[in-house]
Amino acid sequence: MSKNVSEVKSTKKFLMINGQKIETAKYASLKSPYSGEEIAEIAMADKELTAKAIDAAYNAREVMAKMPAYERAEILEKVVILLKEKAVEAAEIITAESAKPIMFSKAEVARTIETYKFAAEEAKRIQGETIPFDGATGGVGRIGYTVREPIGVIGAITPFNFPMNLVAHKVGPAIAAGNTIVLKPASQTPLSSLFIAEIFEEAGLPAGVLNVVTGPGGIVGEAIVEDDRVSMVTFTGSPSVGIGIRSKAGLKKTTLELGSNSALIIDKEIDIDQIIDRCIMGAFSNQGQVCISLQRVYAHEDVFEEFVTKFTEATKQLRIGDPFDPETYISALITKGEAERVLGWIDETKGSNANIAAGGNLKDGILEPTIITNADHDLKVSCQEAFAPVVIVNKVSSVEEAVNQVNDSRFGLQAGIYTDSVKNALYASQELHVGGVIINDVPTFRVDQMPYGGVKESGTGREGIKYAVEEMTEMKLTVWNQS
């Protein structure tokens, strides 16, 4: 058993409602995905307790709406300072509850700090504009301007794969914009959210502004989505759940960050040695449990064999094991059920023309990083979201063919292309039907201030602090008649 998991262990973790720790009638055992060791007992909320959290957020909304921008920014800046001081503890919590290798947990905490820093800065930059009313004959003698006002209560439903930074992408802009939040973290990773809630309390956030409600999605999530006092729902997770949220949300605003099977095009004449490390990171960081994980590679026939050989060699060198080992690159998937699902998808390829170039097996309960070549489009490892350390590599004869293959997908989050041709780079940027095109890098690239979101079944709306603030505010127009 990992010493660090035991250090994180606590007997019980409670709900956080209106600045108070709230006990519940039922608790669920939270276990390490890697060791199976119990980490904590987590409070399970029901609809009534979820409603109390919404009450608290609804009652606190005027306090936040009237709080000056500089005060909102100061609270977020204080969170940045506190999180820097507690960065090691934060990383250990992430690794304990998610089995994310500690090297990647430390990187996530560093990004989370940046995300809250961006939120603090954006709190002071929420601007409107003046309208030239005399551009219309009926507008002469009038002046007008817009302001952006907080939307009210935001329901945030977050995933397990980045349990601290993807919470920051919802909580940070919500507070920057003057909103209140009811946060339902993923069932496997509640500790990160409860940890952050305590940091916000220490930073001086008023009671009721950030409420954390742990429990089943079918109970807590539905109660949040269906409550009329919640003005917006922001969700990161599966397309099926996101579509269900959209259908139940009515006139609420929704931001949905959903699935992907992100692809990379490798053009001819690319120096393969220069891109292998980035492809390894893109495909296998956090066990491939990344929304923009590199799942499909379309390599030009001139470089296909070289890429497969070198990519396979590098993959076989990755350390598999305990996520608290600083050398570990690959550890356990979030549940054993997920590992079994992906093994089934890999087995499906064995009845086709596909070839397993690396991995494909469980090693001490951990799915090996897996490379599959010549995979037909209709295989699950190609057309669905693997969310695992699995990547396919197929041969193409042109960038045009590759673009068609990338676009032949129900998803469209991000895609990448390595090319020395400006013409091909421009073609890809124009023709790829995705939310973001990354030129000369893997589609897994993201920094936290950029607009992030997709098309098709990859979702609606954009995250990235400035863009999330726009989603989390309403525009109001004021017109003055001077005559």
Protein backbone atom coordinates (compact mmCIF):
# COMPACT_ATOMS: atom_id res chain seq x y z
CA MET A 1 0.00 0.00 0.00
CA SER A 2 1.27 3.45 -0.81
CA LYS A 3 2.28 5.50 2.20
CA ASN A 4 0.89 8.61 0.54
CA VAL A 5 -2.60 7.13 0.11
CA SER A 6 -2.71 6.47 3.85
CA GLU A 7 -1.68 10.04 4.58
CA VAL A 8 -4.62 11.34 2.53
CA LYS A 9 -7.03 8.99 4.31
CA SER A 10 -9.76 10.52 6.45
CA THR A 11 -12.63 8.75 8.20
CA LYS A 12 -15.41 10.85 6.72
CA LYS A 13 -15.79 13.69 4.24
CA PHE A 14 -18.87 15.87 4.46
CA LEU A 15 -20.87 18.09 2.14
CA MET A 16 -19.99 21.79 2.08
CA ILE A 17 -23.19 23.85 2.19
CA ASN A 18 -23.39 27.52 3.15
CA GLY A 19 -19.91 27.39 4.65
CA GLN A 20 -20.77 24.43 6.89
CA LYS A 21 -19.74 20.78 6.80
CA ILE A 22 -22.97 18.80 6.55
CA GLU A 23 -23.33 15.15 7.52
CA THR A 24 -25.57 12.75 5.62
CA ALA A 25 -27.45 9.54 6.34
CA LYS A 26 -25.38 7.53 3.88
CA TYR A 27 -21.66 7.37 3.08
CA ALA A 28 -19.81 5.59 0.30
CA SER A 29 -16.33 4.09 0.51
CA LEU A 30 -13.82 5.83 -1.76
CA LYS A 31 -11.02 3.50 -2.84
CA SER A 32 -7.76 4.00 -4.68
CA PRO A 33 -8.13 2.87 -8.32
CA TYR A 34 -4.57 1.53 -8.11
CA SER A 35 -4.34 -0.26 -4.75
CA GLY A 36 -7.98 -0.76 -3.83
CA GLU A 37 -7.23 0.74 -0.41
CA GLU A 38 -9.99 2.82 1.18
CA ILE A 39 -9.10 6.50 1.13
CA ALA A 40 -12.18 8.00 2.77
CA GLU A 41 -15.90 7.69 3.35
CA ILE A 42 -17.79 10.20 1.23
CA ALA A 43 -21.11 11.78 2.17
CA MET A 44 -23.93 10.85 -0.19
CA ALA A 45 -26.38 13.70 -0.69
CA ASP A 46 -30.05 13.28 -1.56
CA LYS A 47 -32.39 15.66 -3.39
CA GLU A 48 -33.28 17.52 -0.19
CA LEU A 49 -29.66 18.27 0.68
CA THR A 50 -28.95 19.26 -2.92
CA ALA A 51 -31.90 21.67 -2.69
CA LYS A 52 -30.38 23.12 0.49
CA ALA A 53 -27.14 23.75 -1.38
CA ILE A 54 -29.08 25.51 -4.13
CA ASP A 55 -30.90 27.52 -1.41
CA ALA A 56 -27.54 28.67 -0.06
CA ALA A 57 -26.23 29.63 -3.49
CA TYR A 58 -29.47 31.40 -4.38
CA ASN A 59 -29.48 33.39 -1.14
CA ALA A 60 -25.82 34.38 -1.58
CA ARG A 61 -26.19 35.53 -5.18
CA GLU A 62 -26.87 39.19 -4.29
CA VAL A 63 -23.80 39.31 -2.08
CA MET A 64 -21.64 38.17 -4.99
CA ALA A 65 -23.40 40.32 -7.58
CA LYS A 66 -22.67 43.44 -5.51
CA MET A 67 -19.10 42.50 -4.59
CA PRO A 68 -16.67 44.87 -6.35
CA ALA A 69 -14.45 43.34 -9.02
CA TYR A 70 -11.29 44.08 -7.06
CA GLU A 71 -12.60 42.09 -4.08
CA ARG A 72 -13.46 39.10 -6.28
CA ALA A 73 -9.98 39.33 -7.76
CA GLU A 74 -8.38 39.51 -4.31
CA ILE A 75 -10.14 36.33 -3.18
CA LEU A 76 -8.95 34.49 -6.30
CA GLU A 77 -5.41 35.84 -5.83
CA LYS A 78 -5.47 34.56 -2.24
CA VAL A 79 -6.51 31.13 -3.55
CA VAL A 80 -3.46 31.21 -5.86
CA ILE A 81 -1.17 31.96 -2.90
CA LEU A 82 -2.69 29.25 -0.70
CA LEU A 83 -2.64 26.65 -3.46
CA LYS A 84 1.04 27.35 -4.12
CA GLU A 85 1.73 26.75 -0.43
CA LYS A 86 -0.24 23.48 -0.47
CA ALA A 87 0.79 22.28 -3.95
CA VAL A 88 2.39 19.02 -2.77
CA GLU A 89 -0.67 18.10 -0.68
CA ALA A 90 -2.96 18.96 -3.61
CA ALA A 91 -0.99 16.72 -6.01
CA GLU A 92 -1.05 13.82 -3.54
CA ILE A 93 -4.83 14.12 -3.20
CA ILE A 94 -5.25 13.94 -6.99
CA THR A 95 -3.00 10.88 -7.25
CA ALA A 96 -4.66 9.11 -4.32
CA GLU A 97 -8.20 9.43 -5.63
CA SER A 98 -7.59 9.08 -9.39
CA ALA A 99 -4.33 7.04 -9.75
CA LYS A 100 -2.95 9.83 -11.92
CA PRO A 101 0.86 9.44 -11.83
CA ILE A 102 2.32 11.99 -9.45
CA MET A 103 4.33 13.69 -12.22
CA PHE A 104 1.08 14.53 -13.98
CA SER A 105 -0.71 15.47 -10.74
CA LYS A 106 2.00 18.01 -9.98
CA ALA A 107 1.59 19.41 -13.49
CA GLU A 108 -2.17 19.63 -12.99
CA VAL A 109 -1.77 21.58 -9.74
CA ALA A 110 0.60 24.01 -11.51
CA ARG A 111 -2.02 24.53 -14.22
CA THR A 112 -4.78 24.94 -11.62
CA ILE A 113 -2.78 27.75 -10.01
CA GLU A 114 -2.50 29.43 -13.42
CA THR A 115 -6.22 28.98 -14.06
CA TYR A 116 -7.18 30.76 -10.83
CA LYS A 117 -4.60 33.46 -11.65
CA PHE A 118 -6.26 34.01 -15.02
CA ALA A 119 -9.64 34.16 -13.26
CA ALA A 120 -8.36 36.84 -10.87
CA GLU A 121 -7.18 38.90 -13.83
CA GLU A 122 -10.39 38.45 -15.82
CA ALA A 123 -12.49 39.60 -12.84
CA LYS A 124 -11.19 43.12 -13.60
CA ARG A 125 -11.77 42.92 -17.36
CA ILE A 126 -15.51 42.25 -17.68
CA GLN A 127 -16.41 45.02 -20.09
CA GLY A 128 -19.27 46.26 -22.23
CA GLU A 129 -19.34 48.63 -25.19
CA THR A 130 -21.01 51.81 -26.41
CA ILE A 131 -23.44 51.61 -29.32
CA PRO A 132 -23.51 54.25 -32.10
CA PHE A 133 -27.27 54.75 -32.08
CA ASP A 134 -27.13 57.59 -34.61
CA GLY A 135 -26.19 54.98 -37.20
CA ALA A 136 -29.94 54.49 -37.54
CA THR A 137 -32.30 57.36 -38.41
CA GLY A 138 -34.47 56.50 -35.42
CA GLY A 139 -31.48 56.51 -33.08
CA VAL A 140 -30.46 60.17 -33.38
CA GLY A 141 -30.34 61.85 -29.98
CA ARG A 142 -29.76 58.62 -28.10
CA ILE A 143 -26.70 57.06 -26.55
CA GLY A 144 -26.43 53.51 -25.25
CA TYR A 145 -24.06 51.05 -23.71
CA THR A 146 -23.92 47.42 -22.62
CA VAL A 147 -22.77 45.86 -19.38
CA ARG A 148 -22.32 42.22 -18.45
CA GLU A 149 -24.08 41.09 -15.27
CA PRO A 150 -23.67 37.83 -13.32
CA ILE A 151 -26.15 35.17 -14.30
CA GLY A 152 -26.84 33.94 -10.73
CA VAL A 153 -26.54 30.34 -9.57
CA ILE A 154 -24.31 28.07 -11.65
CA GLY A 155 -24.55 24.29 -11.41
CA ALA A 156 -21.12 22.78 -12.12
CA ILE A 157 -20.76 19.04 -12.79
CA THR A 158 -17.14 18.01 -13.16
CA PRO A 159 -15.23 14.87 -14.32
CA PHE A 160 -12.59 12.66 -12.69
CA ASN A 161 -9.73 13.10 -15.14
CA PHE A 162 -8.61 16.60 -14.08
CA PRO A 163 -10.35 16.83 -10.71
CA MET A 164 -8.69 20.09 -9.72
CA ASN A 165 -8.08 22.03 -12.92
CA LEU A 166 -11.43 21.31 -14.59
CA VAL A 167 -13.13 22.38 -11.35
CA ALA A 168 -11.06 25.59 -11.58
CA HIS A 169 -12.34 26.14 -15.12
CA LYS A 170 -15.88 26.34 -13.74
CA VAL A 171 -15.41 27.81 -10.26
CA GLY A 172 -12.78 30.40 -11.27
CA PRO A 173 -14.77 32.23 -13.96
CA ALA A 174 -18.01 31.86 -11.99
CA ILE A 175 -16.53 33.76 -9.04
CA ALA A 176 -14.74 36.22 -11.32
CA ALA A 177 -18.10 37.08 -12.87
CA GLY A 178 -19.88 37.43 -9.51
CA ASN A 179 -21.89 34.22 -9.53
CA THR A 180 -22.51 31.52 -6.93
CA ILE A 181 -21.92 27.81 -7.47
CA VAL A 182 -23.30 24.40 -6.60
CA LEU A 183 -20.52 21.96 -7.47
CA LYS A 184 -21.07 18.24 -7.99
CA PRO A 185 -17.67 16.56 -8.46
CA ALA A 186 -17.18 13.15 -10.05
CA SER A 187 -17.92 10.32 -7.61
CA GLN A 188 -14.36 8.95 -7.78
CA THR A 189 -12.66 12.34 -7.23
CA PRO A 190 -14.53 14.37 -4.60
CA LEU A 191 -11.51 15.05 -2.40
CA SER A 192 -10.01 17.62 -4.78
CA SER A 193 -13.23 19.65 -4.77
CA LEU A 194 -13.61 19.54 -0.99
CA PHE A 195 -9.96 20.58 -0.66
CA ILE A 196 -10.49 23.57 -2.95
CA ALA A 197 -13.66 24.57 -1.10
CA GLU A 198 -11.65 24.80 2.13
CA ILE A 199 -9.02 26.91 0.38
CA PHE A 200 -11.71 29.31 -0.86
CA GLU A 201 -13.14 29.54 2.65
CA GLU A 202 -9.66 30.40 3.97
CA ALA A 203 -9.31 32.97 1.16
CA GLY A 204 -12.39 34.82 2.42
CA LEU A 205 -15.10 33.69 0.02
CA PRO A 206 -18.49 34.40 1.65
CA ALA A 207 -20.52 31.45 2.92
CA GLY A 208 -22.94 30.02 0.38
CA VAL A 209 -21.01 31.13 -2.68
CA LEU A 210 -19.31 27.76 -3.28
CA ASN A 211 -21.23 24.68 -2.20
CA VAL A 212 -19.90 21.14 -2.79
CA VAL A 213 -22.45 18.34 -2.99
CA THR A 214 -21.13 14.79 -3.34
CA GLY A 215 -23.31 11.87 -4.34
CA PRO A 216 -24.78 9.96 -7.29
CA GLY A 217 -25.12 11.87 -10.55
CA GLY A 218 -28.62 10.52 -11.08
CA ILE A 219 -29.74 12.18 -7.86
CA VAL A 220 -27.52 15.22 -7.25
CA GLY A 221 -26.89 16.08 -10.91
CA GLU A 222 -30.54 15.81 -11.88
CA ALA A 223 -31.62 17.94 -8.92
CA ILE A 224 -29.20 20.66 -10.01
CA VAL A 225 -30.25 20.54 -13.67
CA GLU A 226 -33.98 20.58 -12.94
CA ASP A 227 -34.05 23.33 -10.27
CA ASP A 228 -35.44 26.60 -11.64
CA ARG A 229 -33.18 28.66 -9.39
CA VAL A 230 -30.10 27.39 -11.22
CA SER A 231 -29.49 29.75 -14.14
CA MET A 232 -26.75 27.81 -15.92
CA VAL A 233 -25.32 24.30 -16.00
CA THR A 234 -21.69 23.74 -16.97
CA PHE A 235 -20.79 20.08 -17.49
CA THR A 236 -17.74 18.11 -18.58
CA GLY A 237 -18.28 14.42 -19.25
CA SER A 238 -19.79 11.92 -21.65
CA PRO A 239 -21.96 12.86 -24.66
CA SER A 240 -24.84 10.69 -23.45
CA VAL A 241 -25.04 12.49 -20.10
CA GLY A 242 -24.50 15.88 -21.75
CA ILE A 243 -27.34 15.30 -24.20
CA GLY A 244 -29.57 14.33 -21.26
CA ILE A 245 -28.64 17.54 -19.43
CA ARG A 246 -29.41 19.61 -22.52
CA SER A 247 -32.85 18.01 -22.87
CA LYS A 248 -33.75 18.65 -19.20
CA ALA A 249 -32.23 22.11 -18.81
CA GLY A 250 -35.07 24.00 -20.46
CA LEU A 251 -34.10 27.65 -20.98
CA LYS A 252 -31.03 27.40 -18.74
CA LYS A 253 -27.72 28.23 -20.33
CA THR A 254 -25.56 25.14 -20.83
CA THR A 255 -21.88 24.73 -21.54
CA LEU A 256 -21.13 21.11 -22.45
CA GLU A 257 -17.59 19.77 -22.86
CA LEU A 258 -18.14 16.22 -24.11
CA GLY A 259 -16.32 13.44 -25.95
CA SER A 260 -13.58 13.21 -28.55
CA ASN A 261 -11.33 10.84 -30.48
CA SER A 262 -8.74 13.47 -31.32
CA ALA A 263 -6.56 12.94 -34.36
CA LEU A 264 -3.11 13.92 -35.58
CA ILE A 265 -2.00 14.18 -39.21
CA ILE A 266 1.71 13.61 -39.95
CA ASP A 267 2.75 15.00 -43.33
CA LYS A 268 5.64 13.68 -45.41
CA GLU A 269 9.17 15.06 -44.82
CA ILE A 270 8.53 15.49 -41.09
CA ASP A 271 11.52 14.70 -38.83
CA ILE A 272 9.96 11.84 -36.87
CA ASP A 273 12.55 11.98 -34.09
CA GLN A 274 11.40 15.52 -33.27
CA ILE A 275 7.76 14.54 -32.64
CA ILE A 276 7.89 11.20 -30.81
CA ASP A 277 8.02 12.63 -27.28
CA ARG A 278 5.03 14.88 -27.95
CA CYS A 279 3.07 11.96 -29.41
CA ILE A 280 3.86 9.84 -26.34
CA MET A 281 2.59 12.62 -24.08
CA GLY A 282 -0.47 13.21 -26.24
CA ALA A 283 -1.49 9.56 -26.34
CA PHE A 284 -0.50 8.27 -22.91
CA SER A 285 -0.40 11.05 -20.31
CA ASN A 286 -2.91 10.37 -17.52
CA GLN A 287 -3.46 6.89 -19.00
CA GLY A 288 -5.08 8.52 -22.06
CA GLN A 289 -7.92 9.77 -19.84
CA VAL A 290 -7.83 13.22 -21.42
CA CYS A 291 -10.63 14.77 -23.47
CA ILE A 292 -8.13 15.70 -26.19
CA SER A 293 -5.97 12.60 -25.83
CA LEU A 294 -4.30 11.57 -29.08
CA GLN A 295 -6.34 8.56 -30.19
CA ARG A 296 -5.94 8.55 -33.99
CA VAL A 297 -2.79 9.15 -36.06
CA TYR A 298 -2.89 9.47 -39.85
CA ALA A 299 0.71 9.27 -41.08
CA HIS A 300 1.79 9.87 -44.68
CA GLU A 301 2.95 6.69 -46.38
CA ASP A 302 6.47 8.12 -46.76
CA VAL A 303 6.95 8.29 -42.97
CA PHE A 304 4.44 5.69 -41.74
CA GLU A 305 6.86 2.80 -41.13
CA GLU A 306 9.47 5.00 -39.44
CA PHE A 307 6.85 6.59 -37.19
CA VAL A 308 5.31 3.27 -36.14
CA THR A 309 8.74 1.78 -35.37
CA LYS A 310 9.98 4.71 -33.28
CA PHE A 311 6.63 5.37 -31.60
CA THR A 312 6.41 1.68 -30.62
CA GLU A 313 9.97 1.64 -29.26
CA ALA A 314 9.32 4.72 -27.13
CA THR A 315 6.01 3.34 -25.86
CA LYS A 316 7.60 0.13 -24.65
CA GLN A 317 10.02 2.16 -22.50
CA LEU A 318 7.26 3.77 -20.40
CA ARG A 319 7.26 2.88 -16.69
CA ILE A 320 4.06 1.16 -15.48
CA GLY A 321 3.13 0.92 -11.81
CA ASP A 322 2.44 2.79 -8.57
CA PRO A 323 1.16 6.31 -9.34
CA PHE A 324 3.12 7.70 -6.37
CA ASP A 325 6.42 6.53 -7.89
CA PRO A 326 7.90 9.67 -9.51
CA GLU A 327 9.13 7.55 -12.45
CA THR A 328 5.70 6.03 -13.22
CA TYR A 329 4.16 7.17 -16.52
CA ILE A 330 1.21 4.74 -16.72
CA SER A 331 -0.95 3.56 -13.83
CA ALA A 332 -4.45 2.17 -13.32
CA LEU A 333 -7.51 3.39 -15.19
CA ILE A 334 -10.16 5.01 -13.03
CA THR A 335 -12.05 1.71 -12.52
CA LYS A 336 -11.54 -1.96 -13.29
CA GLY A 337 -14.69 -1.79 -15.39
CA GLU A 338 -13.05 0.77 -17.66
CA ALA A 339 -10.06 -1.51 -18.14
CA GLU A 340 -12.36 -4.42 -19.03
CA ARG A 341 -14.27 -2.23 -21.52
CA VAL A 342 -11.10 -1.19 -23.32
CA LEU A 343 -9.75 -4.74 -23.38
CA GLY A 344 -12.98 -5.72 -25.14
CA TRP A 345 -12.39 -3.01 -27.73
CA ILE A 346 -8.82 -4.23 -28.26
CA ASP A 347 -10.05 -7.83 -28.64
CA GLU A 348 -12.48 -6.64 -31.31
CA THR A 349 -9.52 -5.60 -33.50
CA LYS A 350 -8.16 -9.16 -33.54
CA GLY A 351 -10.87 -10.24 -35.96
CA SER A 352 -9.89 -7.54 -38.46
CA ASN A 353 -6.88 -6.44 -40.52
CA ALA A 354 -5.57 -4.40 -37.58
CA ASN A 355 -2.25 -5.20 -35.92
CA ILE A 356 -1.39 -4.65 -32.25
CA ALA A 357 2.10 -3.14 -32.41
CA ALA A 358 2.48 -2.58 -28.66
CA GLY A 359 0.61 -3.37 -25.46
CA GLY A 360 -2.90 -4.72 -25.54
CA ASN A 361 -2.75 -6.52 -22.20
CA LEU A 362 -3.21 -5.96 -18.48
CA LYS A 363 0.01 -5.91 -16.44
CA ASP A 364 -0.66 -6.16 -12.68
CA GLY A 365 -4.12 -4.74 -13.28
CA ILE A 366 -2.82 -1.85 -15.40
CA LEU A 367 -3.62 -1.57 -19.11
CA GLU A 368 -0.39 -1.38 -21.08
CA PRO A 369 -0.01 1.59 -23.46
CA THR A 370 -1.36 0.18 -26.70
CA ILE A 371 -0.67 0.99 -30.36
CA ILE A 372 -2.87 -0.49 -33.10
CA THR A 373 -2.05 -0.09 -36.79
CA ASN A 374 -4.28 -0.40 -39.86
CA ALA A 375 -7.49 -0.14 -37.84
CA ASP A 376 -10.75 0.02 -39.79
CA HIS A 377 -12.79 3.15 -39.17
CA ASP A 378 -15.77 1.25 -37.77
CA LEU A 379 -13.76 -0.39 -34.97
CA LYS A 380 -14.60 1.07 -31.55
CA VAL A 381 -10.95 2.00 -30.92
CA SER A 382 -11.23 4.34 -33.91
CA CYS A 383 -14.77 5.71 -34.05
CA GLN A 384 -15.60 5.94 -30.33
CA GLU A 385 -13.80 7.64 -27.46
CA ALA A 386 -11.35 5.20 -25.85
CA PHE A 387 -10.41 7.38 -22.85
CA ALA A 388 -7.54 4.97 -22.25
CA PRO A 389 -3.89 4.54 -23.30
CA VAL A 390 -4.85 3.32 -26.77
CA VAL A 391 -3.90 4.94 -30.08
CA ILE A 392 -4.38 3.82 -33.67
CA VAL A 393 -1.92 4.63 -36.46
CA ASN A 394 -3.11 4.43 -40.07
CA LYS A 395 -1.38 5.12 -43.39
CA VAL A 396 -2.58 7.85 -45.80
CA SER A 397 -1.34 9.04 -49.17
CA SER A 398 -2.11 12.76 -48.78
CA VAL A 399 -3.14 15.45 -46.33
CA GLU A 400 -6.50 15.65 -48.11
CA GLU A 401 -7.15 11.97 -47.42
CA ALA A 402 -6.09 12.44 -43.81
CA VAL A 403 -8.43 15.41 -43.32
CA ASN A 404 -11.33 13.35 -44.66
CA GLN A 405 -10.48 10.56 -42.22
CA VAL A 406 -10.29 12.99 -39.29
CA ASN A 407 -13.63 14.56 -40.19
CA ASP A 408 -15.32 11.15 -40.50
CA SER A 409 -16.22 11.23 -36.82
CA ARG A 410 -19.15 12.12 -34.60
CA PHE A 411 -16.71 14.20 -32.53
CA GLY A 412 -14.88 17.43 -33.25
CA LEU A 413 -12.93 18.81 -30.30
CA GLN A 414 -9.33 19.36 -31.44
CA ALA A 415 -7.04 18.00 -34.15
CA GLY A 416 -3.36 18.47 -34.93
CA ILE A 417 -1.12 18.41 -37.96
CA TYR A 418 2.65 18.21 -38.31
CA THR A 419 3.69 19.70 -41.66
CA ASP A 420 6.44 21.80 -43.23
CA SER A 421 3.99 23.03 -45.89
CA VAL A 422 2.21 26.34 -45.28
CA LYS A 423 -0.30 25.32 -47.94
CA ASN A 424 -1.13 22.07 -46.14
CA ALA A 425 -1.28 23.81 -42.76
CA LEU A 426 -3.77 26.37 -44.10
CA TYR A 427 -5.78 23.63 -45.80
CA ALA A 428 -6.03 21.67 -42.55
CA SER A 429 -6.94 24.74 -40.52
CA GLN A 430 -9.77 25.53 -42.93
CA GLU A 431 -11.10 22.04 -43.63
CA LEU A 432 -10.85 20.24 -40.29
CA HIS A 433 -14.29 20.32 -38.64
CA VAL A 434 -13.18 20.75 -35.04
CA GLY A 435 -13.17 23.41 -32.34
CA GLY A 436 -9.39 23.83 -32.42
CA VAL A 437 -6.66 23.06 -34.99
CA ILE A 438 -3.15 22.71 -33.57
CA ILE A 439 -0.42 23.15 -36.19
CA ASN A 440 2.91 21.41 -35.60
CA ASP A 441 1.82 19.89 -32.31
CA VAL A 442 -0.46 17.15 -31.01
CA PRO A 443 -4.19 17.85 -30.49
CA THR A 444 -3.61 17.37 -26.75
CA PHE A 445 -2.16 20.88 -26.49
CA ARG A 446 -4.05 23.19 -24.17
CA VAL A 447 -3.22 26.24 -22.12
CA ASP A 448 -5.86 27.51 -19.78
CA GLN A 449 -6.61 30.96 -21.20
CA MET A 450 -7.36 29.77 -24.74
CA PRO A 451 -10.92 29.15 -25.98
CA TYR A 452 -11.59 25.44 -25.60
CA GLY A 453 -14.57 23.51 -26.89
CA GLY A 454 -15.83 21.55 -29.84
CA VAL A 455 -18.42 20.89 -32.49
CA LYS A 456 -20.72 17.95 -33.22
CA GLU A 457 -20.93 15.58 -30.24
CA SER A 458 -17.94 17.23 -28.59
CA GLY A 459 -20.23 19.81 -27.06
CA THR A 460 -21.42 23.41 -27.03
CA GLY A 461 -19.95 26.61 -25.64
CA ARG A 462 -16.34 27.44 -24.81
CA GLU A 463 -14.16 27.28 -21.74
CA GLY A 464 -10.97 29.24 -21.12
CA ILE A 465 -11.49 31.91 -18.46
CA LYS A 466 -12.39 34.94 -20.60
CA TYR A 467 -14.72 32.85 -22.74
CA ALA A 468 -16.31 31.12 -19.76
CA VAL A 469 -16.97 34.52 -18.15
CA GLU A 470 -18.91 35.50 -21.29
CA GLU A 471 -20.98 32.31 -20.97
CA MET A 472 -21.57 32.99 -17.27
CA THR A 473 -22.85 36.55 -17.66
CA GLU A 474 -25.85 38.19 -19.32
CA MET A 475 -25.60 41.26 -21.51
CA LYS A 476 -27.77 44.22 -20.49
CA LEU A 477 -28.39 47.23 -22.75
CA THR A 478 -29.08 50.75 -21.40
CA VAL A 479 -30.35 53.47 -23.77
CA TRP A 480 -30.53 57.18 -22.89
CA ASN A 481 -32.80 59.54 -24.79
CA GLN A 482 -31.12 62.95 -24.69
CA SER A 483 -33.94 64.93 -26.30
